[in-house]
Amino acid sequence: LHLVDLAGSERVAKSEVAGEQLREAQSINRSLSALGDVVAALQGKREHVPFRNSRLTQVLQDALGGTGKALLVCCVSPEAEYCQETLSSLAFASRAAQVEMNGGQQRQAGKKKKAKAPGPAAGKRVPLAPANR
């Protein structure tokens, strides 16, 4: 079970943070960007999904591209002051909602198990040779 709080998109210019808080905001933004790239790749059913682009997406790889389940909680505000952040969060949630879960696992399984073309005896019963005793 992974619980991840990304604290939303940190607008550095608006929050006027500095020092350690600035580095944390930048890290959150990089993680959100990497997660957005993964969601876009999964949504587009691309062959390559960039899970290795951040620690966050590496940790969530099994939940997003494997056999796990994922739930995205998106916090928004009705205040006009936060309109851009709300629209950005809703756009991300909308893209994430269009992802078919377990697609990555199915693609990997499909590569490992290629269907063989039926041979000349396909669909016919072939008697087994008696065992030599």
N, C-alpha and C. Protein backbone atom coordinates (compact mmCIF):
# COMPACT_ATOMS: atom_id res chain seq x y z
N LEU A 1 0.86 -1.17 0.00
CA LEU A 1 0.00 0.00 0.00
C LEU A 1 0.90 1.23 0.00
N HIS A 2 0.72 2.10 -0.98
CA HIS A 2 1.50 3.33 -1.07
C HIS A 2 0.55 4.51 -0.88
N LEU A 3 0.85 5.37 0.06
CA LEU A 3 0.12 6.62 0.23
C LEU A 3 1.10 7.74 -0.07
N VAL A 4 0.82 8.51 -1.10
CA VAL A 4 1.72 9.56 -1.54
C VAL A 4 0.99 10.89 -1.52
N ASP A 5 1.54 11.85 -0.78
CA ASP A 5 0.97 13.20 -0.74
C ASP A 5 1.93 14.11 -1.48
N LEU A 6 1.53 14.54 -2.66
CA LEU A 6 2.40 15.40 -3.46
C LEU A 6 2.16 16.88 -3.20
N ALA A 7 1.23 17.20 -2.36
CA ALA A 7 0.97 18.58 -1.95
C ALA A 7 0.61 19.49 -3.12
N GLY A 8 0.23 18.92 -4.22
CA GLY A 8 -0.20 19.73 -5.36
C GLY A 8 0.94 20.37 -6.10
N SER A 9 0.60 21.10 -7.11
CA SER A 9 1.60 21.81 -7.89
C SER A 9 2.06 23.03 -7.12
N GLU A 10 3.34 23.08 -6.86
CA GLU A 10 3.89 24.18 -6.09
C GLU A 10 4.31 25.31 -7.03
N ARG A 11 3.59 26.39 -7.00
CA ARG A 11 3.95 27.57 -7.79
C ARG A 11 4.92 28.39 -6.97
N VAL A 12 6.19 28.27 -7.31
CA VAL A 12 7.26 28.89 -6.54
C VAL A 12 7.13 30.41 -6.51
N ALA A 13 6.81 31.00 -7.63
CA ALA A 13 6.71 32.46 -7.70
C ALA A 13 5.58 32.97 -6.80
N LYS A 14 4.49 32.23 -6.75
CA LYS A 14 3.34 32.65 -5.96
C LYS A 14 3.58 32.44 -4.46
N SER A 15 4.22 31.35 -4.10
CA SER A 15 4.42 31.04 -2.68
C SER A 15 5.61 31.78 -2.08
N GLU A 16 6.52 32.25 -2.93
CA GLU A 16 7.71 33.01 -2.50
C GLU A 16 8.55 32.25 -1.49
N VAL A 17 8.70 30.94 -1.68
CA VAL A 17 9.51 30.13 -0.79
C VAL A 17 10.98 30.27 -1.16
N ALA A 18 11.85 29.93 -0.20
CA ALA A 18 13.29 30.00 -0.44
C ALA A 18 13.97 28.89 0.35
N GLY A 19 15.22 28.65 0.04
CA GLY A 19 16.02 27.67 0.79
C GLY A 19 15.50 26.26 0.65
N GLU A 20 15.38 25.58 1.79
CA GLU A 20 14.96 24.17 1.82
C GLU A 20 13.56 23.98 1.26
N GLN A 21 12.66 24.92 1.54
CA GLN A 21 11.29 24.82 1.03
C GLN A 21 11.27 24.96 -0.49
N LEU A 22 12.17 25.77 -1.04
CA LEU A 22 12.27 25.92 -2.50
C LEU A 22 12.71 24.60 -3.13
N ARG A 23 13.72 23.96 -2.53
CA ARG A 23 14.19 22.66 -3.05
C ARG A 23 13.09 21.61 -2.97
N GLU A 24 12.32 21.63 -1.88
CA GLU A 24 11.22 20.68 -1.73
C GLU A 24 10.15 20.93 -2.80
N ALA A 25 9.81 22.20 -3.03
CA ALA A 25 8.81 22.53 -4.05
C ALA A 25 9.28 22.11 -5.44
N GLN A 26 10.56 22.32 -5.73
CA GLN A 26 11.10 21.91 -7.02
C GLN A 26 11.08 20.39 -7.17
N SER A 27 11.37 19.67 -6.09
CA SER A 27 11.33 18.21 -6.11
C SER A 27 9.91 17.71 -6.35
N ILE A 28 8.94 18.34 -5.69
CA ILE A 28 7.54 17.97 -5.89
C ILE A 28 7.14 18.19 -7.34
N ASN A 29 7.55 19.31 -7.92
CA ASN A 29 7.21 19.61 -9.31
C ASN A 29 7.84 18.60 -10.27
N ARG A 30 9.09 18.20 -10.00
CA ARG A 30 9.73 17.19 -10.84
C ARG A 30 8.99 15.85 -10.74
N SER A 31 8.59 15.48 -9.52
CA SER A 31 7.85 14.24 -9.34
C SER A 31 6.50 14.27 -10.04
N LEU A 32 5.81 15.41 -9.94
CA LEU A 32 4.52 15.55 -10.63
C LEU A 32 4.69 15.48 -12.14
N SER A 33 5.76 16.09 -12.63
CA SER A 33 6.03 16.05 -14.08
C SER A 33 6.31 14.61 -14.53
N ALA A 34 7.12 13.89 -13.78
CA ALA A 34 7.43 12.50 -14.12
C ALA A 34 6.18 11.63 -14.04
N LEU A 35 5.35 11.86 -13.03
CA LEU A 35 4.10 11.11 -12.92
C LEU A 35 3.18 11.43 -14.09
N GLY A 36 3.16 12.69 -14.51
CA GLY A 36 2.37 13.08 -15.69
C GLY A 36 2.86 12.38 -16.94
N ASP A 37 4.19 12.24 -17.09
CA ASP A 37 4.76 11.53 -18.24
C ASP A 37 4.34 10.06 -18.24
N VAL A 38 4.34 9.45 -17.07
CA VAL A 38 3.94 8.04 -16.95
C VAL A 38 2.46 7.89 -17.29
N VAL A 39 1.63 8.79 -16.76
CA VAL A 39 0.20 8.74 -17.04
C VAL A 39 -0.05 8.91 -18.54
N ALA A 40 0.66 9.85 -19.17
CA ALA A 40 0.50 10.07 -20.61
C ALA A 40 0.91 8.82 -21.40
N ALA A 41 2.00 8.19 -21.00
CA ALA A 41 2.45 6.98 -21.70
C ALA A 41 1.46 5.83 -21.52
N LEU A 42 0.94 5.68 -20.32
CA LEU A 42 -0.05 4.62 -20.08
C LEU A 42 -1.35 4.90 -20.82
N GLN A 43 -1.76 6.17 -20.83
CA GLN A 43 -2.99 6.56 -21.52
C GLN A 43 -2.86 6.32 -23.02
N GLY A 44 -1.69 6.65 -23.56
CA GLY A 44 -1.45 6.46 -24.99
C GLY A 44 -1.07 5.03 -25.35
N LYS A 45 -1.00 4.15 -24.35
CA LYS A 45 -0.63 2.75 -24.55
C LYS A 45 0.69 2.62 -25.31
N ARG A 46 1.64 3.47 -24.92
CA ARG A 46 2.95 3.46 -25.56
C ARG A 46 3.75 2.22 -25.14
N GLU A 47 4.67 1.85 -25.99
CA GLU A 47 5.52 0.70 -25.74
C GLU A 47 6.42 0.95 -24.53
N HIS A 48 6.98 2.18 -24.44
CA HIS A 48 7.88 2.52 -23.33
C HIS A 48 7.16 3.44 -22.35
N VAL A 49 7.17 3.08 -21.09
CA VAL A 49 6.60 3.90 -20.02
C VAL A 49 7.77 4.33 -19.14
N PRO A 50 7.99 5.65 -18.98
CA PRO A 50 9.19 6.14 -18.27
C PRO A 50 9.10 6.07 -16.75
N PHE A 51 8.97 4.87 -16.21
CA PHE A 51 8.89 4.70 -14.76
C PHE A 51 10.19 5.10 -14.06
N ARG A 52 11.32 5.00 -14.74
CA ARG A 52 12.62 5.22 -14.11
C ARG A 52 13.00 6.70 -14.02
N ASN A 53 12.13 7.60 -14.45
CA ASN A 53 12.47 9.02 -14.46
C ASN A 53 12.42 9.68 -13.08
N SER A 54 11.84 9.05 -12.10
CA SER A 54 11.84 9.60 -10.75
C SER A 54 11.66 8.48 -9.74
N ARG A 55 12.04 8.75 -8.51
CA ARG A 55 11.86 7.75 -7.46
C ARG A 55 10.38 7.46 -7.24
N LEU A 56 9.56 8.51 -7.34
CA LEU A 56 8.12 8.34 -7.14
C LEU A 56 7.55 7.33 -8.13
N THR A 57 7.84 7.50 -9.40
CA THR A 57 7.28 6.60 -10.41
C THR A 57 7.89 5.20 -10.32
N GLN A 58 9.13 5.11 -9.85
CA GLN A 58 9.72 3.78 -9.64
C GLN A 58 8.98 3.05 -8.53
N VAL A 59 8.69 3.76 -7.44
CA VAL A 59 7.97 3.15 -6.31
C VAL A 59 6.56 2.75 -6.73
N LEU A 60 5.93 3.56 -7.56
CA LEU A 60 4.54 3.31 -7.95
C LEU A 60 4.40 2.43 -9.19
N GLN A 61 5.50 1.94 -9.72
CA GLN A 61 5.46 1.17 -10.97
C GLN A 61 4.52 -0.02 -10.89
N ASP A 62 4.58 -0.80 -9.83
CA ASP A 62 3.71 -1.97 -9.72
C ASP A 62 2.24 -1.57 -9.63
N ALA A 63 1.96 -0.47 -8.94
CA ALA A 63 0.57 -0.03 -8.79
C ALA A 63 0.03 0.55 -10.09
N LEU A 64 0.88 1.24 -10.85
CA LEU A 64 0.41 1.90 -12.08
C LEU A 64 0.50 1.01 -13.31
N GLY A 65 1.52 0.19 -13.41
CA GLY A 65 1.70 -0.59 -14.62
C GLY A 65 1.64 -2.08 -14.40
N GLY A 66 1.48 -2.49 -13.19
CA GLY A 66 1.46 -3.91 -12.87
C GLY A 66 0.05 -4.41 -12.63
N THR A 67 -0.06 -5.29 -11.67
CA THR A 67 -1.36 -5.89 -11.39
C THR A 67 -2.05 -5.23 -10.20
N GLY A 68 -1.48 -4.15 -9.69
CA GLY A 68 -2.06 -3.47 -8.54
C GLY A 68 -3.23 -2.58 -8.91
N LYS A 69 -3.73 -1.89 -7.92
CA LYS A 69 -4.82 -0.95 -8.12
C LYS A 69 -4.35 0.41 -7.63
N ALA A 70 -4.90 1.47 -8.20
CA ALA A 70 -4.50 2.82 -7.82
C ALA A 70 -5.73 3.69 -7.64
N LEU A 71 -5.61 4.63 -6.73
CA LEU A 71 -6.66 5.60 -6.47
C LEU A 71 -6.00 6.96 -6.39
N LEU A 72 -6.53 7.91 -7.13
CA LEU A 72 -6.01 9.27 -7.13
C LEU A 72 -7.04 10.17 -6.47
N VAL A 73 -6.62 10.86 -5.43
CA VAL A 73 -7.48 11.83 -4.76
C VAL A 73 -6.97 13.20 -5.16
N CYS A 74 -7.85 13.98 -5.72
CA CYS A 74 -7.48 15.29 -6.23
C CYS A 74 -8.19 16.36 -5.39
N CYS A 75 -7.42 17.20 -4.73
CA CYS A 75 -7.99 18.26 -3.89
C CYS A 75 -8.06 19.56 -4.69
N VAL A 76 -9.23 20.16 -4.70
CA VAL A 76 -9.43 21.40 -5.44
C VAL A 76 -10.07 22.44 -4.52
N SER A 77 -10.05 23.68 -4.98
CA SER A 77 -10.61 24.77 -4.19
C SER A 77 -11.58 25.57 -5.03
N PRO A 78 -12.70 26.01 -4.44
CA PRO A 78 -13.66 26.82 -5.18
C PRO A 78 -13.26 28.31 -5.24
N GLU A 79 -12.20 28.68 -4.54
CA GLU A 79 -11.77 30.08 -4.49
C GLU A 79 -11.16 30.50 -5.82
N ALA A 80 -11.51 31.70 -6.26
CA ALA A 80 -10.99 32.25 -7.52
C ALA A 80 -9.47 32.38 -7.48
N GLU A 81 -8.94 32.62 -6.32
CA GLU A 81 -7.48 32.77 -6.14
C GLU A 81 -6.73 31.51 -6.57
N TYR A 82 -7.36 30.35 -6.41
CA TYR A 82 -6.71 29.07 -6.73
C TYR A 82 -7.24 28.45 -8.02
N CYS A 83 -7.81 29.24 -8.88
CA CYS A 83 -8.42 28.75 -10.12
C CYS A 83 -7.42 27.99 -10.99
N GLN A 84 -6.23 28.54 -11.20
CA GLN A 84 -5.24 27.88 -12.07
C GLN A 84 -4.81 26.53 -11.50
N GLU A 85 -4.56 26.48 -10.20
CA GLU A 85 -4.16 25.22 -9.57
C GLU A 85 -5.28 24.19 -9.66
N THR A 86 -6.52 24.64 -9.46
CA THR A 86 -7.67 23.73 -9.53
C THR A 86 -7.83 23.18 -10.94
N LEU A 87 -7.73 24.04 -11.94
CA LEU A 87 -7.85 23.58 -13.33
C LEU A 87 -6.73 22.62 -13.69
N SER A 88 -5.53 22.91 -13.24
CA SER A 88 -4.40 22.03 -13.51
C SER A 88 -4.59 20.67 -12.85
N SER A 89 -5.06 20.67 -11.61
CA SER A 89 -5.30 19.41 -10.89
C SER A 89 -6.40 18.60 -11.56
N LEU A 90 -7.46 19.26 -11.98
CA LEU A 90 -8.57 18.56 -12.64
C LEU A 90 -8.16 18.00 -14.00
N ALA A 91 -7.31 18.74 -14.73
CA ALA A 91 -6.83 18.24 -16.02
C ALA A 91 -5.99 16.99 -15.81
N PHE A 92 -5.12 17.01 -14.79
CA PHE A 92 -4.30 15.83 -14.50
C PHE A 92 -5.17 14.65 -14.10
N ALA A 93 -6.15 14.90 -13.22
CA ALA A 93 -7.04 13.82 -12.78
C ALA A 93 -7.83 13.26 -13.95
N SER A 94 -8.23 14.11 -14.88
CA SER A 94 -8.96 13.64 -16.06
C SER A 94 -8.10 12.73 -16.92
N ARG A 95 -6.83 13.11 -17.12
CA ARG A 95 -5.92 12.25 -17.89
C ARG A 95 -5.69 10.93 -17.18
N ALA A 96 -5.49 11.00 -15.86
CA ALA A 96 -5.23 9.79 -15.08
C ALA A 96 -6.44 8.85 -15.11
N ALA A 97 -7.64 9.41 -15.13
CA ALA A 97 -8.85 8.58 -15.13
C ALA A 97 -9.01 7.80 -16.44
N GLN A 98 -8.35 8.23 -17.50
CA GLN A 98 -8.48 7.56 -18.79
C GLN A 98 -7.49 6.41 -18.96
N VAL A 99 -6.62 6.21 -17.98
CA VAL A 99 -5.63 5.14 -18.06
C VAL A 99 -6.29 3.81 -17.74
N GLU A 100 -6.03 2.82 -18.59
CA GLU A 100 -6.49 1.46 -18.32
C GLU A 100 -5.44 0.80 -17.46
N MET A 101 -5.82 0.45 -16.25
CA MET A 101 -4.87 -0.16 -15.33
C MET A 101 -4.50 -1.55 -15.80
N ASN A 102 -3.32 -1.99 -15.37
CA ASN A 102 -2.76 -3.30 -15.68
C ASN A 102 -2.34 -3.45 -17.13
N GLY A 103 -2.33 -2.36 -17.88
CA GLY A 103 -1.91 -2.42 -19.28
C GLY A 103 -0.46 -2.81 -19.43
N GLY A 104 0.40 -2.29 -18.57
CA GLY A 104 1.82 -2.60 -18.65
C GLY A 104 2.09 -4.07 -18.42
N GLN A 105 1.40 -4.66 -17.47
CA GLN A 105 1.58 -6.07 -17.17
C GLN A 105 1.13 -6.92 -18.36
N GLN A 106 0.03 -6.52 -18.99
CA GLN A 106 -0.47 -7.27 -20.13
C GLN A 106 0.49 -7.15 -21.31
N ARG A 107 1.08 -5.95 -21.51
CA ARG A 107 2.04 -5.78 -22.61
C ARG A 107 3.26 -6.66 -22.37
N GLN A 108 3.76 -6.70 -21.11
CA GLN A 108 4.92 -7.51 -20.81
C GLN A 108 4.60 -8.99 -20.99
N ALA A 109 3.45 -9.42 -20.54
CA ALA A 109 3.06 -10.82 -20.69
C ALA A 109 2.92 -11.18 -22.16
N GLY A 110 2.40 -10.24 -22.96
CA GLY A 110 2.24 -10.48 -24.39
C GLY A 110 3.56 -10.67 -25.09
N LYS A 111 4.60 -9.98 -24.63
CA LYS A 111 5.91 -10.11 -25.24
C LYS A 111 6.53 -11.45 -24.91
N LYS A 112 6.30 -11.93 -23.68
CA LYS A 112 6.90 -13.18 -23.26
C LYS A 112 6.21 -14.38 -23.89
N LYS A 113 4.89 -14.31 -24.05
CA LYS A 113 4.11 -15.43 -24.55
C LYS A 113 3.52 -15.08 -25.91
N LYS A 114 4.29 -15.32 -26.94
CA LYS A 114 3.78 -15.07 -28.29
C LYS A 114 2.98 -16.29 -28.74
N ALA A 115 1.87 -16.01 -29.36
CA ALA A 115 1.03 -17.11 -29.83
C ALA A 115 1.70 -17.79 -31.01
N LYS A 116 1.71 -19.09 -30.97
CA LYS A 116 2.29 -19.86 -32.08
C LYS A 116 1.24 -20.08 -33.14
N ALA A 117 1.68 -20.06 -34.36
CA ALA A 117 0.77 -20.34 -35.47
C ALA A 117 0.38 -21.81 -35.40
N PRO A 118 -0.88 -22.10 -35.67
CA PRO A 118 -1.30 -23.50 -35.60
C PRO A 118 -0.56 -24.35 -36.62
N GLY A 119 -0.14 -25.51 -36.17
CA GLY A 119 0.58 -26.43 -37.05
C GLY A 119 -0.38 -27.21 -37.92
N PRO A 120 0.15 -28.13 -38.72
CA PRO A 120 -0.71 -28.89 -39.62
C PRO A 120 -1.72 -29.78 -38.89
N ALA A 121 -1.44 -30.14 -37.64
CA ALA A 121 -2.34 -31.01 -36.90
C ALA A 121 -3.31 -30.22 -36.01
N ALA A 122 -3.35 -28.92 -36.20
CA ALA A 122 -4.21 -28.09 -35.35
C ALA A 122 -5.67 -28.48 -35.54
N GLY A 123 -6.35 -28.68 -34.45
CA GLY A 123 -7.77 -29.02 -34.50
C GLY A 123 -8.05 -30.49 -34.74
N LYS A 124 -7.02 -31.29 -35.02
CA LYS A 124 -7.20 -32.72 -35.26
C LYS A 124 -6.74 -33.49 -34.03
N ARG A 125 -7.41 -34.59 -33.80
CA ARG A 125 -6.98 -35.47 -32.70
C ARG A 125 -5.90 -36.39 -33.24
N VAL A 126 -4.81 -36.40 -32.51
CA VAL A 126 -3.70 -37.26 -32.90
C VAL A 126 -3.55 -38.33 -31.83
N PRO A 127 -3.67 -39.62 -32.23
CA PRO A 127 -3.56 -40.68 -31.22
C PRO A 127 -2.12 -40.72 -30.69
N LEU A 128 -2.01 -40.96 -29.38
CA LEU A 128 -0.69 -41.07 -28.77
C LEU A 128 -0.13 -42.46 -29.04
N ALA A 129 1.14 -42.51 -29.27
CA ALA A 129 1.80 -43.79 -29.50
C ALA A 129 1.83 -44.56 -28.20
N PRO A 130 1.58 -45.87 -28.25
CA PRO A 130 1.63 -46.65 -26.99
C PRO A 130 3.03 -46.64 -26.43
N ALA A 131 3.11 -46.61 -25.13
CA ALA A 131 4.41 -46.59 -24.47
C ALA A 131 5.07 -47.94 -24.58
N ASN A 132 6.34 -47.95 -24.86
CA ASN A 132 7.11 -49.20 -24.91
C ASN A 132 7.40 -49.64 -23.49
N ARG A 133 7.08 -50.88 -23.20
CA ARG A 133 7.35 -51.38 -21.84
C ARG A 133 8.40 -52.41 -21.89
